Amino acid sequence: MDRFEFVQGKKLRCGYTTGSCASAAASAAVTMWLTKEIVPTVHLTTPQGLVLQLEPKDCQIGEESASCAIQKDAGDDPDMTDGVLVYATVWPISSGIVLKAGRGVGTVTRKGLPCKEGEPAINPVPQDMIRRA
């Protein structure tokens, strides 16, 4: 990834968010479920307009579902989620889209995030990205 920011005059390589990873994994999983083929690369346009090319890992395709993970890269300013595999699994339901926290995504346990308690700990913008995927 060729995106950088400067902190105290030092050039740092930026990573990507857990929400971006979840969105990319959801996009790849949907494509795999529809095509019944492994997706080698998924393209994701971030809210800032950057296009990420990410490699799905641990891909599984079944008759009724598909899943994969995107490995989080926190960049040069890593946090505790750096390197975590963020998974998405998709399967058909009668109507709508339901988001649930899976491996690599926490569940909101108390107030403080713009998400309700019991929902996936993914902010509204990445949730919209996942739904569009």
N, C-alpha and C. Protein backbone atom coordinates (compact mmCIF):
# COMPACT_ATOMS: atom_id res chain seq x y z
N MET A 1 0.85 -1.16 0.00
CA MET A 1 0.00 0.00 0.00
C MET A 1 0.90 1.23 0.00
N ASP A 2 0.55 2.24 -0.77
CA ASP A 2 1.40 3.40 -0.93
C ASP A 2 0.88 4.64 -0.24
N ARG A 3 0.14 4.49 0.83
CA ARG A 3 -0.42 5.64 1.54
C ARG A 3 0.44 5.93 2.77
N PHE A 4 0.76 7.22 2.97
CA PHE A 4 1.61 7.59 4.09
C PHE A 4 0.99 8.76 4.84
N GLU A 5 1.36 8.89 6.10
CA GLU A 5 1.04 10.09 6.87
C GLU A 5 2.29 10.45 7.66
N PHE A 6 2.33 11.67 8.12
CA PHE A 6 3.50 12.14 8.87
C PHE A 6 3.11 12.36 10.32
N VAL A 7 3.90 11.82 11.23
CA VAL A 7 3.70 12.01 12.65
C VAL A 7 5.03 12.51 13.21
N GLN A 8 5.01 13.71 13.78
CA GLN A 8 6.21 14.35 14.32
C GLN A 8 7.34 14.33 13.29
N GLY A 9 6.98 14.63 12.02
CA GLY A 9 7.98 14.71 10.97
C GLY A 9 8.42 13.37 10.40
N LYS A 10 7.94 12.28 10.97
CA LYS A 10 8.34 10.95 10.51
C LYS A 10 7.26 10.41 9.56
N LYS A 11 7.71 9.87 8.44
CA LYS A 11 6.79 9.31 7.45
C LYS A 11 6.37 7.91 7.90
N LEU A 12 5.05 7.72 8.08
CA LEU A 12 4.51 6.43 8.50
C LEU A 12 3.63 5.85 7.41
N ARG A 13 3.77 4.55 7.17
CA ARG A 13 2.90 3.86 6.23
C ARG A 13 1.58 3.58 6.93
N CYS A 14 0.46 3.99 6.30
CA CYS A 14 -0.86 3.76 6.88
C CYS A 14 -1.34 2.35 6.56
N GLY A 15 -2.05 1.77 7.47
CA GLY A 15 -2.66 0.46 7.25
C GLY A 15 -4.11 0.63 6.87
N TYR A 16 -4.92 -0.33 7.23
CA TYR A 16 -6.35 -0.23 6.98
C TYR A 16 -7.11 -0.76 8.18
N THR A 17 -8.34 -0.30 8.29
CA THR A 17 -9.14 -0.53 9.49
C THR A 17 -9.75 -1.93 9.52
N THR A 18 -10.20 -2.32 10.70
CA THR A 18 -10.92 -3.58 10.86
C THR A 18 -12.17 -3.57 10.00
N GLY A 19 -12.84 -2.42 9.94
CA GLY A 19 -14.05 -2.30 9.12
C GLY A 19 -13.76 -2.51 7.64
N SER A 20 -12.64 -1.97 7.17
CA SER A 20 -12.26 -2.19 5.77
C SER A 20 -11.97 -3.66 5.51
N CYS A 21 -11.31 -4.30 6.47
CA CYS A 21 -11.03 -5.74 6.33
C CYS A 21 -12.34 -6.54 6.28
N ALA A 22 -13.27 -6.21 7.16
CA ALA A 22 -14.55 -6.92 7.20
C ALA A 22 -15.32 -6.69 5.90
N SER A 23 -15.29 -5.47 5.38
CA SER A 23 -15.98 -5.16 4.14
C SER A 23 -15.37 -5.92 2.96
N ALA A 24 -14.05 -5.95 2.88
CA ALA A 24 -13.38 -6.67 1.80
C ALA A 24 -13.66 -8.18 1.91
N ALA A 25 -13.64 -8.70 3.12
CA ALA A 25 -13.93 -10.13 3.31
C ALA A 25 -15.36 -10.44 2.91
N ALA A 26 -16.30 -9.55 3.25
CA ALA A 26 -17.70 -9.76 2.87
C ALA A 26 -17.86 -9.74 1.35
N SER A 27 -17.20 -8.80 0.70
CA SER A 27 -17.27 -8.70 -0.76
C SER A 27 -16.73 -9.97 -1.41
N ALA A 28 -15.57 -10.42 -0.94
CA ALA A 28 -14.98 -11.64 -1.51
C ALA A 28 -15.86 -12.86 -1.24
N ALA A 29 -16.42 -12.96 -0.04
CA ALA A 29 -17.26 -14.10 0.31
C ALA A 29 -18.53 -14.15 -0.55
N VAL A 30 -19.15 -12.99 -0.78
CA VAL A 30 -20.34 -12.94 -1.64
C VAL A 30 -19.98 -13.39 -3.05
N THR A 31 -18.88 -12.86 -3.58
CA THR A 31 -18.45 -13.23 -4.93
C THR A 31 -18.18 -14.73 -5.01
N MET A 32 -17.51 -15.27 -4.01
CA MET A 32 -17.20 -16.71 -4.01
C MET A 32 -18.48 -17.54 -3.93
N TRP A 33 -19.43 -17.10 -3.12
CA TRP A 33 -20.68 -17.85 -3.00
C TRP A 33 -21.43 -17.85 -4.33
N LEU A 34 -21.46 -16.70 -5.00
CA LEU A 34 -22.18 -16.60 -6.27
C LEU A 34 -21.50 -17.36 -7.40
N THR A 35 -20.16 -17.30 -7.45
CA THR A 35 -19.43 -17.92 -8.56
C THR A 35 -18.93 -19.33 -8.26
N LYS A 36 -18.92 -19.68 -6.98
CA LYS A 36 -18.37 -20.97 -6.52
C LYS A 36 -16.89 -21.10 -6.87
N GLU A 37 -16.19 -19.96 -6.92
CA GLU A 37 -14.75 -19.93 -7.20
C GLU A 37 -14.03 -19.07 -6.17
N ILE A 38 -12.80 -19.46 -5.83
CA ILE A 38 -11.96 -18.68 -4.92
C ILE A 38 -11.60 -17.36 -5.59
N VAL A 39 -11.66 -16.29 -4.83
CA VAL A 39 -11.30 -14.96 -5.31
C VAL A 39 -9.85 -14.70 -4.88
N PRO A 40 -8.91 -14.52 -5.84
CA PRO A 40 -7.51 -14.31 -5.45
C PRO A 40 -7.24 -12.92 -4.88
N THR A 41 -8.00 -11.91 -5.33
CA THR A 41 -7.82 -10.53 -4.89
C THR A 41 -9.18 -9.85 -4.84
N VAL A 42 -9.37 -9.04 -3.83
CA VAL A 42 -10.60 -8.24 -3.75
C VAL A 42 -10.20 -6.77 -3.72
N HIS A 43 -10.94 -5.95 -4.48
CA HIS A 43 -10.69 -4.51 -4.53
C HIS A 43 -11.73 -3.82 -3.65
N LEU A 44 -11.28 -2.90 -2.84
CA LEU A 44 -12.16 -2.16 -1.95
C LEU A 44 -11.82 -0.68 -2.06
N THR A 45 -12.83 0.14 -2.29
CA THR A 45 -12.65 1.59 -2.29
C THR A 45 -13.05 2.11 -0.92
N THR A 46 -12.11 2.75 -0.23
CA THR A 46 -12.36 3.27 1.11
C THR A 46 -13.19 4.55 1.02
N PRO A 47 -13.77 4.99 2.14
CA PRO A 47 -14.51 6.25 2.13
C PRO A 47 -13.66 7.44 1.69
N GLN A 48 -12.34 7.35 1.83
CA GLN A 48 -11.44 8.43 1.39
C GLN A 48 -11.11 8.32 -0.09
N GLY A 49 -11.62 7.28 -0.77
CA GLY A 49 -11.39 7.11 -2.21
C GLY A 49 -10.17 6.29 -2.56
N LEU A 50 -9.47 5.76 -1.56
CA LEU A 50 -8.32 4.90 -1.84
C LEU A 50 -8.81 3.52 -2.27
N VAL A 51 -8.14 2.92 -3.24
CA VAL A 51 -8.49 1.57 -3.67
C VAL A 51 -7.46 0.60 -3.09
N LEU A 52 -7.96 -0.32 -2.28
CA LEU A 52 -7.12 -1.35 -1.69
C LEU A 52 -7.27 -2.63 -2.50
N GLN A 53 -6.17 -3.35 -2.69
CA GLN A 53 -6.20 -4.67 -3.30
C GLN A 53 -5.74 -5.65 -2.22
N LEU A 54 -6.67 -6.47 -1.75
CA LEU A 54 -6.39 -7.33 -0.61
C LEU A 54 -6.56 -8.80 -1.00
N GLU A 55 -5.79 -9.65 -0.34
CA GLU A 55 -5.80 -11.08 -0.64
C GLU A 55 -6.64 -11.84 0.40
N PRO A 56 -7.76 -12.42 -0.03
CA PRO A 56 -8.53 -13.25 0.90
C PRO A 56 -7.73 -14.48 1.33
N LYS A 57 -7.89 -14.85 2.57
CA LYS A 57 -7.21 -16.02 3.14
C LYS A 57 -8.25 -16.98 3.72
N ASP A 58 -7.85 -18.21 3.92
CA ASP A 58 -8.69 -19.24 4.55
C ASP A 58 -10.08 -19.30 3.89
N CYS A 59 -10.09 -19.37 2.56
CA CYS A 59 -11.34 -19.36 1.80
C CYS A 59 -12.04 -20.72 1.86
N GLN A 60 -13.34 -20.68 2.08
CA GLN A 60 -14.17 -21.88 2.14
C GLN A 60 -15.44 -21.62 1.33
N ILE A 61 -15.78 -22.54 0.45
CA ILE A 61 -17.01 -22.42 -0.33
C ILE A 61 -17.82 -23.68 -0.13
N GLY A 62 -19.07 -23.52 0.30
CA GLY A 62 -19.98 -24.64 0.48
C GLY A 62 -21.21 -24.46 -0.36
N GLU A 63 -22.13 -25.39 -0.25
CA GLU A 63 -23.39 -25.29 -1.00
C GLU A 63 -24.23 -24.11 -0.53
N GLU A 64 -24.24 -23.87 0.78
CA GLU A 64 -25.11 -22.84 1.35
C GLU A 64 -24.38 -21.62 1.90
N SER A 65 -23.04 -21.60 1.84
CA SER A 65 -22.31 -20.46 2.38
C SER A 65 -20.92 -20.37 1.78
N ALA A 66 -20.29 -19.23 2.01
CA ALA A 66 -18.89 -19.03 1.65
C ALA A 66 -18.28 -18.13 2.71
N SER A 67 -16.99 -18.33 2.98
CA SER A 67 -16.32 -17.49 3.96
C SER A 67 -14.86 -17.30 3.58
N CYS A 68 -14.30 -16.23 4.10
CA CYS A 68 -12.88 -15.96 3.94
C CYS A 68 -12.48 -14.91 4.95
N ALA A 69 -11.19 -14.63 5.00
CA ALA A 69 -10.66 -13.64 5.93
C ALA A 69 -9.74 -12.70 5.18
N ILE A 70 -9.60 -11.51 5.73
CA ILE A 70 -8.60 -10.54 5.29
C ILE A 70 -7.70 -10.27 6.49
N GLN A 71 -6.39 -10.32 6.28
CA GLN A 71 -5.46 -10.08 7.38
C GLN A 71 -5.25 -8.58 7.57
N LYS A 72 -5.49 -8.13 8.78
CA LYS A 72 -5.38 -6.71 9.12
C LYS A 72 -3.92 -6.27 9.08
N ASP A 73 -3.69 -5.11 8.48
CA ASP A 73 -2.38 -4.48 8.45
C ASP A 73 -2.57 -3.09 9.06
N ALA A 74 -2.05 -2.89 10.25
CA ALA A 74 -2.23 -1.62 10.95
C ALA A 74 -1.23 -0.56 10.50
N GLY A 75 -0.34 -0.89 9.56
CA GLY A 75 0.64 0.08 9.10
C GLY A 75 1.80 0.21 10.07
N ASP A 76 2.46 1.36 10.01
CA ASP A 76 3.64 1.59 10.85
C ASP A 76 3.29 2.06 12.26
N ASP A 77 2.03 2.22 12.55
CA ASP A 77 1.58 2.61 13.88
C ASP A 77 0.62 1.53 14.37
N PRO A 78 1.14 0.30 14.58
CA PRO A 78 0.26 -0.83 14.84
C PRO A 78 -0.45 -0.78 16.19
N ASP A 79 -1.60 -1.42 16.21
CA ASP A 79 -2.34 -1.59 17.45
C ASP A 79 -2.48 -3.10 17.69
N MET A 80 -3.26 -3.45 18.68
CA MET A 80 -3.34 -4.87 19.04
C MET A 80 -4.06 -5.72 17.99
N THR A 81 -4.71 -5.11 17.00
CA THR A 81 -5.39 -5.87 15.97
C THR A 81 -4.50 -6.16 14.76
N ASP A 82 -3.27 -5.64 14.76
CA ASP A 82 -2.37 -5.85 13.63
C ASP A 82 -2.15 -7.34 13.41
N GLY A 83 -2.37 -7.79 12.18
CA GLY A 83 -2.16 -9.19 11.83
C GLY A 83 -3.35 -10.10 12.06
N VAL A 84 -4.39 -9.60 12.71
CA VAL A 84 -5.59 -10.40 12.99
C VAL A 84 -6.29 -10.74 11.69
N LEU A 85 -6.82 -11.95 11.59
CA LEU A 85 -7.65 -12.33 10.46
C LEU A 85 -9.08 -11.92 10.76
N VAL A 86 -9.66 -11.09 9.89
CA VAL A 86 -11.04 -10.64 10.04
C VAL A 86 -11.87 -11.42 9.04
N TYR A 87 -12.81 -12.23 9.55
CA TYR A 87 -13.59 -13.15 8.73
C TYR A 87 -14.96 -12.59 8.36
N ALA A 88 -15.45 -13.06 7.23
CA ALA A 88 -16.84 -12.84 6.83
C ALA A 88 -17.36 -14.16 6.29
N THR A 89 -18.57 -14.49 6.69
CA THR A 89 -19.28 -15.66 6.16
C THR A 89 -20.62 -15.16 5.64
N VAL A 90 -20.98 -15.60 4.46
CA VAL A 90 -22.26 -15.20 3.87
C VAL A 90 -23.08 -16.44 3.54
N TRP A 91 -24.39 -16.31 3.70
CA TRP A 91 -25.33 -17.35 3.30
C TRP A 91 -26.66 -16.67 3.02
N PRO A 92 -27.47 -17.27 2.18
CA PRO A 92 -28.75 -16.63 1.84
C PRO A 92 -29.74 -16.71 3.00
N ILE A 93 -30.54 -15.64 3.12
CA ILE A 93 -31.66 -15.62 4.06
C ILE A 93 -32.88 -15.16 3.28
N SER A 94 -34.04 -15.25 3.88
CA SER A 94 -35.28 -14.93 3.15
C SER A 94 -35.35 -13.47 2.69
N SER A 95 -34.83 -12.54 3.48
CA SER A 95 -34.82 -11.14 3.04
C SER A 95 -33.87 -10.32 3.90
N GLY A 96 -33.35 -9.26 3.32
CA GLY A 96 -32.51 -8.34 4.04
C GLY A 96 -31.09 -8.83 4.26
N ILE A 97 -30.37 -8.08 5.07
CA ILE A 97 -28.99 -8.38 5.43
C ILE A 97 -28.87 -8.29 6.93
N VAL A 98 -28.28 -9.28 7.56
CA VAL A 98 -28.06 -9.29 9.00
C VAL A 98 -26.56 -9.33 9.24
N LEU A 99 -26.06 -8.40 10.04
CA LEU A 99 -24.64 -8.40 10.40
C LEU A 99 -24.48 -8.96 11.81
N LYS A 100 -23.56 -9.91 11.94
CA LYS A 100 -23.23 -10.46 13.24
C LYS A 100 -21.72 -10.46 13.38
N ALA A 101 -21.24 -10.31 14.59
CA ALA A 101 -19.80 -10.36 14.83
C ALA A 101 -19.32 -11.80 14.68
N GLY A 102 -18.26 -11.97 13.94
CA GLY A 102 -17.64 -13.29 13.78
C GLY A 102 -16.21 -13.21 14.25
N ARG A 103 -15.41 -14.20 13.87
CA ARG A 103 -14.00 -14.22 14.27
C ARG A 103 -13.30 -12.96 13.78
N GLY A 104 -12.60 -12.31 14.68
CA GLY A 104 -11.84 -11.11 14.35
C GLY A 104 -12.61 -9.82 14.58
N VAL A 105 -13.91 -9.92 14.89
CA VAL A 105 -14.73 -8.73 15.14
C VAL A 105 -15.39 -8.87 16.49
N GLY A 106 -15.22 -7.89 17.34
CA GLY A 106 -15.81 -7.94 18.67
C GLY A 106 -17.28 -7.54 18.65
N THR A 107 -17.90 -7.71 19.80
CA THR A 107 -19.29 -7.31 20.01
C THR A 107 -19.30 -6.18 21.02
N VAL A 108 -20.10 -5.16 20.77
CA VAL A 108 -20.20 -4.02 21.68
C VAL A 108 -20.79 -4.50 23.00
N THR A 109 -20.10 -4.22 24.09
CA THR A 109 -20.56 -4.68 25.41
C THR A 109 -20.99 -3.53 26.32
N ARG A 110 -20.68 -2.29 25.92
CA ARG A 110 -21.12 -1.15 26.73
C ARG A 110 -21.19 0.10 25.85
N LYS A 111 -21.80 1.13 26.37
CA LYS A 111 -21.96 2.38 25.62
C LYS A 111 -20.60 3.02 25.36
N GLY A 112 -20.52 3.79 24.28
CA GLY A 112 -19.30 4.50 23.95
C GLY A 112 -19.02 4.50 22.46
N LEU A 113 -19.44 3.46 21.78
CA LEU A 113 -19.30 3.41 20.32
C LEU A 113 -20.62 3.84 19.70
N PRO A 114 -20.59 4.24 18.42
CA PRO A 114 -21.85 4.61 17.77
C PRO A 114 -22.67 3.38 17.34
N CYS A 115 -22.47 2.28 18.02
CA CYS A 115 -23.21 1.03 17.75
C CYS A 115 -23.92 0.63 19.03
N LYS A 116 -25.02 -0.09 18.88
CA LYS A 116 -25.77 -0.53 20.04
C LYS A 116 -25.08 -1.72 20.71
N GLU A 117 -25.30 -1.84 22.01
CA GLU A 117 -24.77 -2.99 22.74
C GLU A 117 -25.32 -4.27 22.12
N GLY A 118 -24.44 -5.28 21.99
CA GLY A 118 -24.82 -6.55 21.40
C GLY A 118 -24.61 -6.62 19.90
N GLU A 119 -24.34 -5.48 19.26
CA GLU A 119 -24.09 -5.46 17.82
C GLU A 119 -22.60 -5.61 17.55
N PRO A 120 -22.23 -5.92 16.30
CA PRO A 120 -20.80 -5.98 15.96
C PRO A 120 -20.12 -4.64 16.22
N ALA A 121 -18.88 -4.68 16.70
CA ALA A 121 -18.12 -3.47 17.00
C ALA A 121 -17.49 -2.93 15.72
N ILE A 122 -18.36 -2.60 14.77
CA ILE A 122 -17.94 -1.97 13.52
C ILE A 122 -18.79 -0.71 13.38
N ASN A 123 -18.12 0.39 13.17
CA ASN A 123 -18.79 1.67 13.09
C ASN A 123 -19.73 1.75 11.89
N PRO A 124 -20.64 2.74 11.88
CA PRO A 124 -21.66 2.82 10.83
C PRO A 124 -21.13 2.90 9.40
N VAL A 125 -20.06 3.65 9.13
CA VAL A 125 -19.55 3.75 7.76
C VAL A 125 -19.07 2.38 7.26
N PRO A 126 -18.22 1.65 8.02
CA PRO A 126 -17.85 0.32 7.55
C PRO A 126 -19.05 -0.64 7.47
N GLN A 127 -20.03 -0.50 8.36
CA GLN A 127 -21.23 -1.34 8.25
C GLN A 127 -21.92 -1.09 6.92
N ASP A 128 -22.00 0.18 6.50
CA ASP A 128 -22.60 0.48 5.20
C ASP A 128 -21.78 -0.13 4.07
N MET A 129 -20.44 -0.08 4.20
CA MET A 129 -19.56 -0.68 3.19
C MET A 129 -19.82 -2.18 3.09
N ILE A 130 -20.00 -2.84 4.22
CA ILE A 130 -20.27 -4.29 4.24
C ILE A 130 -21.60 -4.57 3.57
N ARG A 131 -22.62 -3.80 3.88
CA ARG A 131 -23.93 -4.00 3.26
C ARG A 131 -23.88 -3.83 1.75
N ARG A 132 -23.13 -2.83 1.29
CA ARG A 132 -23.00 -2.62 -0.16
C ARG A 132 -22.26 -3.78 -0.81
N ALA A 133 -21.29 -4.34 -0.09
CA ALA A 133 -20.54 -5.48 -0.64
C ALA A 133 -21.46 -6.65 -0.89
